Amino acid sequence: MQLPENTSLLIHAHDNVLEDGPEVVDPVDLPEAEDEEEDLDQIMGLDSTTEQSEFNYRGLDATIYDDRADRDDRIANYTGDAPVEDVQQRVRETGIDDDVYSTFLDEFSDERRRPDPEPGTLNLRQVNRMVCGDTTVDPYDEWQQVGGGDVAVGVSLDMSGSMSRYEVDAKSAVGAFLKGVELFGGDVVANAWQGRGTPKCYLVTGADERFRWPQLNVTNPSSADPIAAGMLHCAGLLDRLTADTKLLLVVHDGKPTVLSRPDLDANTAPSEARETVDELRDEGLIVVGVGFGRVNEGNLAKMFGTDGYVHTSLEDLADALVETYSSQIDTGQPTPI
């Protein structure tokens, strides 16, 4: 994630995080997506010569919904309990987007006070903080953003039936996080998964497009939780990005109960998930489980390792995503949580 030189522009972009259309300011252009890391393709059963909408999964019996026209039709015909208007309203009510934005500023900035080169020119970020009630700032101080790294993040979201009671809050947290990463110059992809027997994996945000709030409504909670298939699909989306460091965050609410990789000899869904996590980590991906609510921590440890998961409340899910992201990107290697 390469931070833009003039991060004060992010203030204007931040005002538009709930808009469905183009944002006022685009801090950085997204890089062209490329096919890389053939070894990862082999593990995932991906044919790197095919289009993103036609992944060929070898050894993985799953229905993959990667066609964007089909996705947009699904969004238009969404009939679940969390329409995008409700998700955005929850964001407004909780201020979760502001919290994520502020956390990113705290994590990836270094404030330096020095005389403004143009006396009388207000610093917009400092003015914004004053308006929000921070009386410690000087609106004429100049602020400089530093930090960086070449990082891409993928969010793989559980959309099994048990998520129905959390749908609005989970989608608002994931959406605010994805928007925050993009505002600070990062690349994002996302998917959702569900199904029993034959898993279903849905494209939410692809490698060469920006996140939009309606994308979260590509499906509604239903059926079981094929977590291994979901992780592989999202890793395939990440594989289309060219960042040096790739982070896969797996967001779910409980113990998976269904197997989804017949190419493995696993007897349980958690052990199958662990084998999948190990494979992806061996190929250089940073994989972290993000469980919330009453999820059993023992199951998280079985799937992601004792140092490879975060357990948080639903209310703190967005902050946990940001903090996990920041704790991992400094080294470019899995860091104990």
Protein backbone atom coordinates (compact mmCIF):
# COMPACT_ATOMS: atom_id res chain seq x y z
CA MET A 1 0.00 0.00 0.00
CA GLN A 2 1.71 3.12 -1.20
CA LEU A 3 0.30 6.14 0.62
CA PRO A 4 -0.42 9.25 -1.47
CA GLU A 5 1.89 12.19 -1.00
CA ASN A 6 -0.87 14.68 -0.18
CA THR A 7 -3.02 12.79 2.26
CA SER A 8 -5.04 15.87 3.12
CA LEU A 9 -7.01 15.02 -0.03
CA LEU A 10 -8.33 12.00 1.83
CA ILE A 11 -10.53 14.30 3.90
CA HIS A 12 -12.59 15.08 0.81
CA ALA A 13 -12.71 11.43 -0.21
CA HIS A 14 -13.72 10.40 3.29
CA ASP A 15 -16.84 12.55 3.06
CA ASN A 16 -18.05 10.30 0.27
CA VAL A 17 -17.48 6.83 1.70
CA LEU A 18 -21.19 6.02 1.66
CA GLU A 19 -21.75 7.04 -1.95
CA ASP A 20 -22.45 4.31 -4.48
CA GLY A 21 -21.07 6.22 -7.44
CA PRO A 22 -17.61 7.65 -8.21
CA GLU A 23 -15.82 9.28 -5.32
CA VAL A 24 -14.82 12.92 -5.41
CA VAL A 25 -11.17 12.15 -4.99
CA ASP A 26 -9.36 9.02 -6.00
CA PRO A 27 -6.07 9.07 -4.04
CA VAL A 28 -4.38 6.47 -6.20
CA ASP A 29 -5.13 4.55 -9.35
CA LEU A 30 -5.55 0.84 -8.95
CA PRO A 31 -2.76 -1.13 -10.64
CA GLU A 32 -3.44 -3.33 -13.58
CA ALA A 33 -4.32 -6.86 -12.51
CA GLU A 34 -1.90 -9.53 -13.60
CA ASP A 35 -1.68 -13.29 -13.33
CA GLU A 36 1.20 -14.25 -11.08
CA GLU A 37 2.38 -16.98 -8.72
CA GLU A 38 1.68 -20.10 -10.77
CA ASP A 39 2.40 -22.31 -7.78
CA LEU A 40 -0.55 -20.77 -5.96
CA ASP A 41 -2.69 -21.41 -9.02
CA GLN A 42 -1.75 -25.08 -8.87
CA ILE A 43 -2.66 -25.40 -5.22
CA MET A 44 -5.97 -23.66 -5.73
CA GLY A 45 -6.77 -25.45 -8.94
CA LEU A 46 -6.79 -22.24 -10.93
CA ASP A 47 -6.02 -22.08 -14.62
CA SER A 48 -4.18 -18.76 -14.82
CA THR A 49 -4.93 -18.48 -18.54
CA THR A 50 -8.68 -18.19 -18.00
CA GLU A 51 -10.68 -15.08 -17.30
CA GLN A 52 -11.46 -14.17 -13.72
CA SER A 53 -15.10 -15.09 -14.29
CA GLU A 54 -14.15 -18.61 -15.42
CA PHE A 55 -11.92 -20.00 -12.68
CA ASN A 56 -11.20 -23.67 -13.27
CA TYR A 57 -10.89 -25.28 -9.85
CA ARG A 58 -9.07 -28.60 -10.01
CA GLY A 59 -10.17 -30.92 -7.24
CA LEU A 60 -12.62 -28.39 -5.78
CA ASP A 61 -16.29 -29.14 -6.37
CA ALA A 62 -17.81 -25.68 -6.02
CA THR A 63 -20.10 -23.37 -7.93
CA ILE A 64 -18.19 -20.14 -8.58
CA TYR A 65 -20.17 -16.96 -9.26
CA ASP A 66 -17.52 -14.66 -10.72
CA ASP A 67 -19.41 -13.16 -13.65
CA ARG A 68 -19.87 -9.48 -12.86
CA ALA A 69 -23.05 -9.05 -14.88
CA ASP A 70 -24.53 -11.96 -12.94
CA ARG A 71 -23.33 -10.37 -9.71
CA ASP A 72 -24.98 -7.07 -10.55
CA ASP A 73 -28.22 -8.86 -11.40
CA ARG A 74 -28.10 -10.62 -8.05
CA ILE A 75 -27.55 -7.30 -6.31
CA ALA A 76 -30.51 -5.74 -8.13
CA ASN A 77 -32.74 -8.67 -7.13
CA TYR A 78 -31.55 -8.95 -3.52
CA THR A 79 -34.44 -9.85 -1.20
CA GLY A 80 -32.62 -10.40 2.09
CA ASP A 81 -32.89 -8.59 5.41
CA ALA A 82 -29.95 -6.23 4.88
CA PRO A 83 -30.57 -4.03 1.84
CA VAL A 84 -27.76 -1.61 1.14
CA GLU A 85 -29.84 1.29 2.46
CA ASP A 86 -30.06 -0.40 5.87
CA VAL A 87 -26.35 -1.19 5.88
CA GLN A 88 -25.45 2.41 5.07
CA GLN A 89 -27.91 3.68 7.66
CA ARG A 90 -26.21 1.51 10.27
CA VAL A 91 -22.87 2.99 9.23
CA ARG A 92 -24.26 6.48 9.73
CA GLU A 93 -25.84 5.64 13.08
CA THR A 94 -22.70 4.04 14.51
CA GLY A 95 -20.12 6.30 12.86
CA ILE A 96 -18.17 3.16 12.04
CA ASP A 97 -16.69 4.68 8.89
CA ASP A 98 -15.30 7.60 10.90
CA ASP A 99 -13.85 5.17 13.44
CA VAL A 100 -12.14 3.15 10.73
CA TYR A 101 -10.83 6.29 9.03
CA SER A 102 -9.44 7.66 12.30
CA THR A 103 -7.83 4.36 13.16
CA PHE A 104 -6.11 4.24 9.78
CA LEU A 105 -4.84 7.78 10.33
CA ASP A 106 -3.47 6.81 13.72
CA GLU A 107 -1.86 3.63 12.44
CA PHE A 108 -0.31 4.95 9.23
CA SER A 109 0.54 8.56 9.90
CA ASP A 110 3.24 10.59 11.57
CA GLU A 111 2.17 14.10 12.44
CA ARG A 112 4.88 16.73 12.18
CA ARG A 113 4.16 20.32 13.22
CA ARG A 114 6.00 23.02 11.34
CA PRO A 115 5.21 26.57 10.14
CA ASP A 116 2.87 26.62 7.17
CA PRO A 117 4.80 27.78 4.06
CA GLU A 118 1.81 29.92 3.14
CA PRO A 119 0.75 31.89 6.23
CA GLY A 120 -2.98 32.13 6.59
CA THR A 121 -3.66 28.85 4.77
CA LEU A 122 -5.79 26.47 6.80
CA ASN A 123 -4.88 22.81 7.01
CA LEU A 124 -8.10 20.98 6.16
CA ARG A 125 -7.44 17.91 8.27
CA GLN A 126 -6.73 20.01 11.35
CA VAL A 127 -9.87 22.06 10.71
CA ASN A 128 -11.85 18.83 10.43
CA ARG A 129 -10.51 17.68 13.79
CA MET A 130 -11.39 21.03 15.39
CA VAL A 131 -14.93 20.85 14.06
CA CYS A 132 -15.20 17.37 15.59
CA GLY A 133 -14.27 18.82 18.98
CA ASP A 134 -10.50 18.36 19.22
CA THR A 135 -9.32 21.60 20.85
CA THR A 136 -5.67 20.52 20.98
CA VAL A 137 -4.94 21.09 17.29
CA ASP A 138 -3.80 24.19 15.47
CA PRO A 139 -5.70 24.63 12.18
CA TYR A 140 -2.64 26.31 10.66
CA ASP A 141 -0.29 23.43 11.42
CA GLU A 142 0.93 21.51 8.39
CA TRP A 143 0.43 17.76 8.50
CA GLN A 144 2.38 15.14 6.62
CA GLN A 145 1.48 11.51 6.02
CA VAL A 146 4.23 8.91 5.98
CA GLY A 147 4.30 5.15 5.91
CA GLY A 148 3.51 2.71 3.18
CA GLY A 149 4.25 -0.67 1.80
CA ASP A 150 2.88 -2.54 -1.19
CA VAL A 151 -0.08 -4.45 0.27
CA ALA A 152 -3.29 -6.01 -1.01
CA VAL A 153 -6.04 -7.32 1.24
CA GLY A 154 -8.80 -9.83 0.61
CA VAL A 155 -11.82 -10.29 2.86
CA SER A 156 -13.52 -13.68 2.71
CA LEU A 157 -16.96 -13.41 4.31
CA ASP A 158 -19.06 -16.21 5.77
CA MET A 159 -22.62 -15.94 4.42
CA SER A 160 -23.99 -19.16 5.90
CA GLY A 161 -27.41 -19.23 7.53
CA SER A 162 -26.16 -18.40 11.01
CA MET A 163 -25.01 -15.00 9.74
CA SER A 164 -28.60 -13.85 9.22
CA ARG A 165 -28.82 -12.23 12.67
CA TYR A 166 -25.51 -10.40 12.10
CA GLU A 167 -25.89 -9.48 8.44
CA VAL A 168 -26.35 -5.72 8.72
CA ASP A 169 -23.60 -5.22 11.30
CA ALA A 170 -21.13 -7.59 9.64
CA LYS A 171 -21.60 -6.01 6.22
CA SER A 172 -21.29 -2.48 7.61
CA ALA A 173 -18.01 -3.42 9.34
CA VAL A 174 -16.54 -5.17 6.29
CA GLY A 175 -17.64 -2.37 3.97
CA ALA A 176 -16.18 0.37 6.18
CA PHE A 177 -12.90 -1.55 6.37
CA LEU A 178 -12.67 -2.07 2.60
CA LYS A 179 -13.42 1.60 2.00
CA GLY A 180 -10.75 2.59 4.51
CA VAL A 181 -8.10 0.44 2.84
CA GLU A 182 -8.91 1.98 -0.53
CA LEU A 183 -8.88 5.53 0.81
CA PHE A 184 -5.32 4.95 2.01
CA GLY A 185 -4.18 3.60 -1.33
CA GLY A 186 -4.56 -0.14 -0.78
CA ASP A 187 -5.94 -2.76 -3.16
CA VAL A 188 -8.91 -4.88 -2.07
CA VAL A 189 -10.83 -7.95 -3.17
CA ALA A 190 -13.67 -9.72 -1.40
CA ASN A 191 -15.90 -12.75 -1.69
CA ALA A 192 -18.73 -14.47 0.18
CA TRP A 193 -19.46 -18.17 0.57
CA GLN A 194 -22.17 -20.60 1.68
CA GLY A 195 -23.68 -23.94 0.71
CA ARG A 196 -23.98 -27.60 1.64
CA GLY A 197 -22.92 -30.39 -0.70
CA THR A 198 -21.72 -28.15 -3.49
CA PRO A 199 -20.25 -24.92 -2.04
CA LYS A 200 -21.21 -21.58 -3.54
CA CYS A 201 -18.59 -18.83 -3.77
CA TYR A 202 -19.60 -15.33 -4.82
CA LEU A 203 -17.51 -12.49 -6.17
CA VAL A 204 -18.05 -9.34 -4.08
CA THR A 205 -15.20 -7.11 -5.29
CA GLY A 206 -12.80 -8.09 -8.04
CA ALA A 207 -9.13 -7.34 -8.56
CA ASP A 208 -9.53 -4.54 -11.10
CA GLU A 209 -12.46 -2.63 -9.63
CA ARG A 210 -13.22 -0.53 -6.59
CA PHE A 211 -15.42 -1.61 -3.74
CA ARG A 212 -19.01 -0.35 -3.83
CA TRP A 213 -21.49 -0.82 -1.01
CA PRO A 214 -24.14 -2.64 -3.10
CA GLN A 215 -21.60 -5.38 -3.88
CA LEU A 216 -22.11 -6.74 -0.36
CA ASN A 217 -25.62 -7.81 -1.37
CA VAL A 218 -24.55 -10.32 -3.96
CA THR A 219 -26.19 -12.89 -1.68
CA ASN A 220 -27.94 -13.22 1.66
CA PRO A 221 -27.18 -15.70 4.49
CA SER A 222 -28.20 -19.25 3.74
CA SER A 223 -27.21 -22.89 4.25
CA ALA A 224 -23.88 -24.08 5.67
CA ASP A 225 -20.31 -22.75 5.83
CA PRO A 226 -17.75 -24.25 3.39
CA ILE A 227 -14.86 -22.20 4.73
CA ALA A 228 -12.05 -23.98 2.85
CA ALA A 229 -13.69 -23.35 -0.53
CA GLY A 230 -14.33 -19.74 0.44
CA MET A 231 -10.70 -19.14 1.36
CA LEU A 232 -9.43 -20.64 -1.89
CA HIS A 233 -11.76 -18.52 -3.97
CA CYS A 234 -10.69 -15.31 -2.25
CA ALA A 235 -7.03 -16.29 -2.53
CA GLY A 236 -7.61 -16.66 -6.26
CA LEU A 237 -8.90 -13.10 -6.41
CA LEU A 238 -5.84 -11.90 -4.48
CA ASP A 239 -3.63 -13.76 -6.92
CA ARG A 240 -4.78 -11.33 -9.62
CA LEU A 241 -3.20 -8.42 -7.75
CA THR A 242 0.49 -7.52 -8.00
CA ALA A 243 1.20 -6.37 -4.43
CA ASP A 244 4.31 -7.69 -2.71
CA THR A 245 2.35 -8.51 0.45
CA LYS A 246 -1.06 -10.15 0.34
CA LEU A 247 -3.29 -10.49 3.38
CA LEU A 248 -6.35 -12.74 3.52
CA LEU A 249 -8.81 -12.01 6.35
CA VAL A 250 -11.43 -14.71 6.90
CA VAL A 251 -14.50 -13.32 8.68
CA HIS A 252 -16.90 -15.83 10.23
CA ASP A 253 -19.11 -16.44 13.24
CA GLY A 254 -18.73 -20.07 14.21
CA LYS A 255 -17.49 -23.60 13.70
CA PRO A 256 -17.63 -24.80 10.08
CA THR A 257 -19.56 -28.02 9.68
CA VAL A 258 -19.17 -29.03 6.03
CA LEU A 259 -16.24 -30.31 3.98
CA SER A 260 -15.61 -28.58 0.65
CA ARG A 261 -12.32 -29.99 -0.67
CA PRO A 262 -12.58 -33.59 -1.84
CA ASP A 263 -8.93 -33.41 -2.93
CA LEU A 264 -7.92 -33.50 0.74
CA ASP A 265 -8.20 -36.39 3.19
CA ALA A 266 -9.54 -34.25 6.03
CA ASN A 267 -12.22 -35.76 8.25
CA THR A 268 -13.59 -32.52 9.70
CA ALA A 269 -14.21 -29.04 8.38
CA PRO A 270 -11.79 -27.37 10.88
CA SER A 271 -8.96 -29.76 9.92
CA GLU A 272 -9.71 -29.16 6.23
CA ALA A 273 -9.61 -25.43 6.86
CA ARG A 274 -6.23 -25.79 8.63
CA GLU A 275 -4.73 -27.70 5.71
CA THR A 276 -5.96 -25.00 3.36
CA VAL A 277 -4.55 -22.23 5.55
CA ASP A 278 -1.18 -23.99 5.69
CA GLU A 279 -1.08 -24.37 1.91
CA LEU A 280 -1.84 -20.71 1.32
CA ARG A 281 0.70 -19.58 3.90
CA ASP A 282 3.32 -21.79 2.26
CA GLU A 283 2.67 -19.87 -0.95
CA GLY A 284 3.33 -16.54 0.75
CA LEU A 285 -0.15 -15.36 1.72
CA ILE A 286 -0.75 -14.00 5.21
CA VAL A 287 -3.95 -15.68 6.40
CA VAL A 288 -5.74 -14.54 9.57
CA GLY A 289 -9.06 -15.74 10.92
CA VAL A 290 -11.35 -13.06 12.34
CA GLY A 291 -14.05 -14.63 14.47
CA PHE A 292 -16.69 -12.67 16.31
CA GLY A 293 -19.47 -13.20 18.79
CA ARG A 294 -19.78 -16.62 20.41
CA VAL A 295 -17.37 -18.36 18.07
CA ASN A 296 -15.33 -20.98 19.93
CA GLU A 297 -11.71 -19.86 20.23
CA GLY A 298 -10.59 -23.48 20.24
CA ASN A 299 -12.01 -23.86 16.74
CA LEU A 300 -10.25 -20.69 15.62
CA ALA A 301 -6.96 -22.07 16.90
CA LYS A 302 -7.54 -25.39 15.13
CA MET A 303 -8.13 -23.64 11.81
CA PHE A 304 -5.64 -20.75 11.94
CA GLY A 305 -3.12 -21.66 14.64
CA THR A 306 -2.81 -20.19 18.12
CA ASP A 307 -1.18 -17.03 16.77
CA GLY A 308 -3.19 -16.79 13.57
CA TYR A 309 -6.61 -15.55 14.60
CA VAL A 310 -8.48 -12.69 16.27
CA HIS A 311 -11.59 -13.08 18.43
CA THR A 312 -13.66 -9.93 18.75
CA SER A 313 -17.17 -8.69 19.42
CA LEU A 314 -19.49 -7.81 16.57
CA GLU A 315 -19.42 -4.16 17.68
CA ASP A 316 -15.62 -4.09 17.41
CA LEU A 317 -15.35 -6.09 14.17
CA ALA A 318 -14.31 -3.15 11.99
CA ASP A 319 -11.64 -2.00 14.45
CA ALA A 320 -10.35 -5.58 14.72
CA LEU A 321 -9.99 -5.77 10.94
CA VAL A 322 -8.01 -2.52 10.85
CA GLU A 323 -5.78 -3.50 13.78
CA THR A 324 -5.13 -6.95 12.32
CA TYR A 325 -4.27 -5.38 8.98
CA SER A 326 -1.83 -2.93 10.53
CA SER A 327 -0.18 -5.60 12.71
CA GLN A 328 0.58 -7.76 9.68
CA ILE A 329 1.77 -5.37 6.99
CA ASP A 330 4.82 -3.98 8.77
CA THR A 331 6.79 -7.19 8.39
CA GLY A 332 5.11 -8.72 5.34
CA GLN A 333 5.10 -12.00 7.28
CA PRO A 334 2.56 -13.59 9.62
CA THR A 335 2.86 -11.89 12.99
CA PRO A 336 1.48 -13.37 16.23
CA ILE A 337 -1.84 -11.73 17.00
